[in-house]
Amino acid sequence: MPYIKKDRREIVDVVVDAMVSTRIVANGDLNYILYKYCSDKIKPSYNNYKNYIGELEECATEIRRRLLAPYEDKKIWENGDI
């Protein structure tokens, strides 16, 4: 995950807080936001689109590693393994 400096986090967290306050959820809203950002703000080029997709893929990988895997481990401990 590309960790950003704390002063930058404060700025970016404003966007996250706005998403929370407007009840953005991962049932289409988030997909729309990410697509709209890409289609409106990313300068069209193979490299730019490739980099944007790479960011999305790395985010998914980090969610799996840091959030999903520990959750699954907890459920295995609670309910037993397969």
Protein backbone atom coordinates (compact mmCIF):
# COMPACT_ATOMS: atom_id res chain seq x y z
CA MET A 1 0.00 0.00 0.00
CA PRO A 2 1.43 3.39 -0.86
CA TYR A 3 1.57 5.03 2.54
CA ILE A 4 1.22 8.77 2.28
CA LYS A 5 2.68 11.37 4.62
CA LYS A 6 0.55 12.44 7.58
CA ASP A 7 0.01 15.99 6.27
CA ARG A 8 -1.36 14.56 3.02
CA ARG A 9 -3.61 12.13 4.92
CA GLU A 10 -5.35 15.04 6.63
CA ILE A 11 -6.31 16.44 3.23
CA VAL A 12 -7.35 13.09 1.75
CA ASP A 13 -9.32 12.12 4.87
CA VAL A 14 -11.64 15.07 4.16
CA VAL A 15 -12.73 13.18 1.02
CA VAL A 16 -13.20 9.98 3.02
CA ASP A 17 -15.26 11.84 5.62
CA ALA A 18 -17.41 13.36 2.86
CA MET A 19 -18.00 9.88 1.45
CA VAL A 20 -19.08 8.65 4.89
CA SER A 21 -21.37 11.62 5.51
CA THR A 22 -23.06 11.17 2.12
CA ARG A 23 -23.43 7.43 2.81
CA ILE A 24 -21.36 6.21 -0.14
CA VAL A 25 -21.45 2.42 -0.10
CA ALA A 26 -19.81 -0.34 -2.08
CA ASN A 27 -22.97 -1.39 -3.93
CA GLY A 28 -22.44 0.69 -7.03
CA ASP A 29 -21.74 4.11 -5.50
CA LEU A 30 -18.04 3.47 -5.07
CA ASN A 31 -17.75 1.89 -8.52
CA TYR A 32 -19.44 4.96 -10.03
CA ILE A 33 -17.11 7.36 -8.17
CA LEU A 34 -13.95 5.53 -9.22
CA TYR A 35 -15.11 5.18 -12.83
CA LYS A 36 -16.27 8.80 -13.01
CA TYR A 37 -12.98 10.04 -11.59
CA CYS A 38 -11.05 8.00 -14.14
CA SER A 39 -13.20 8.99 -17.09
CA ASP A 40 -13.27 12.70 -16.16
CA LYS A 41 -9.88 13.33 -14.55
CA ILE A 42 -7.33 10.82 -15.85
CA LYS A 43 -5.63 12.05 -19.01
CA PRO A 44 -6.30 9.41 -21.68
CA SER A 45 -3.23 7.29 -22.31
CA TYR A 46 -2.40 3.63 -21.99
CA ASN A 47 0.12 4.34 -19.22
CA ASN A 48 -2.25 6.55 -17.22
CA TYR A 49 -5.07 4.01 -17.40
CA LYS A 50 -2.64 1.20 -16.54
CA ASN A 51 -1.39 3.12 -13.50
CA TYR A 52 -4.94 3.86 -12.35
CA ILE A 53 -5.93 0.20 -12.65
CA GLY A 54 -2.75 -0.74 -10.80
CA GLU A 55 -3.77 1.51 -7.91
CA LEU A 56 -7.18 -0.16 -7.77
CA GLU A 57 -5.65 -3.65 -7.86
CA GLU A 58 -3.15 -2.82 -5.11
CA CYS A 59 -5.96 -1.42 -2.98
CA ALA A 60 -7.91 -4.68 -3.38
CA THR A 61 -4.78 -6.65 -2.48
CA GLU A 62 -4.24 -4.56 0.65
CA ILE A 63 -7.87 -4.99 1.72
CA ARG A 64 -7.49 -8.77 1.33
CA ARG A 65 -4.21 -8.81 3.26
CA ARG A 66 -5.01 -6.43 6.12
CA LEU A 67 -8.79 -6.71 6.55
CA LEU A 68 -10.20 -9.86 4.98
CA ALA A 69 -7.50 -12.37 5.97
CA PRO A 70 -7.60 -11.47 9.71
CA TYR A 71 -11.42 -11.57 9.59
CA GLU A 72 -11.33 -15.04 8.05
CA ASP A 73 -8.77 -16.19 10.65
CA LYS A 74 -11.06 -14.93 13.43
CA LYS A 75 -14.03 -16.82 11.97
CA ILE A 76 -11.95 -20.00 11.65
CA TRP A 77 -10.99 -19.66 15.32
CA GLU A 78 -14.64 -19.05 16.32
CA ASN A 79 -16.29 -21.68 14.12
CA GLY A 80 -13.54 -24.18 13.38
CA ASP A 81 -11.76 -24.87 10.13
CA ILE A 82 -13.28 -26.62 7.15
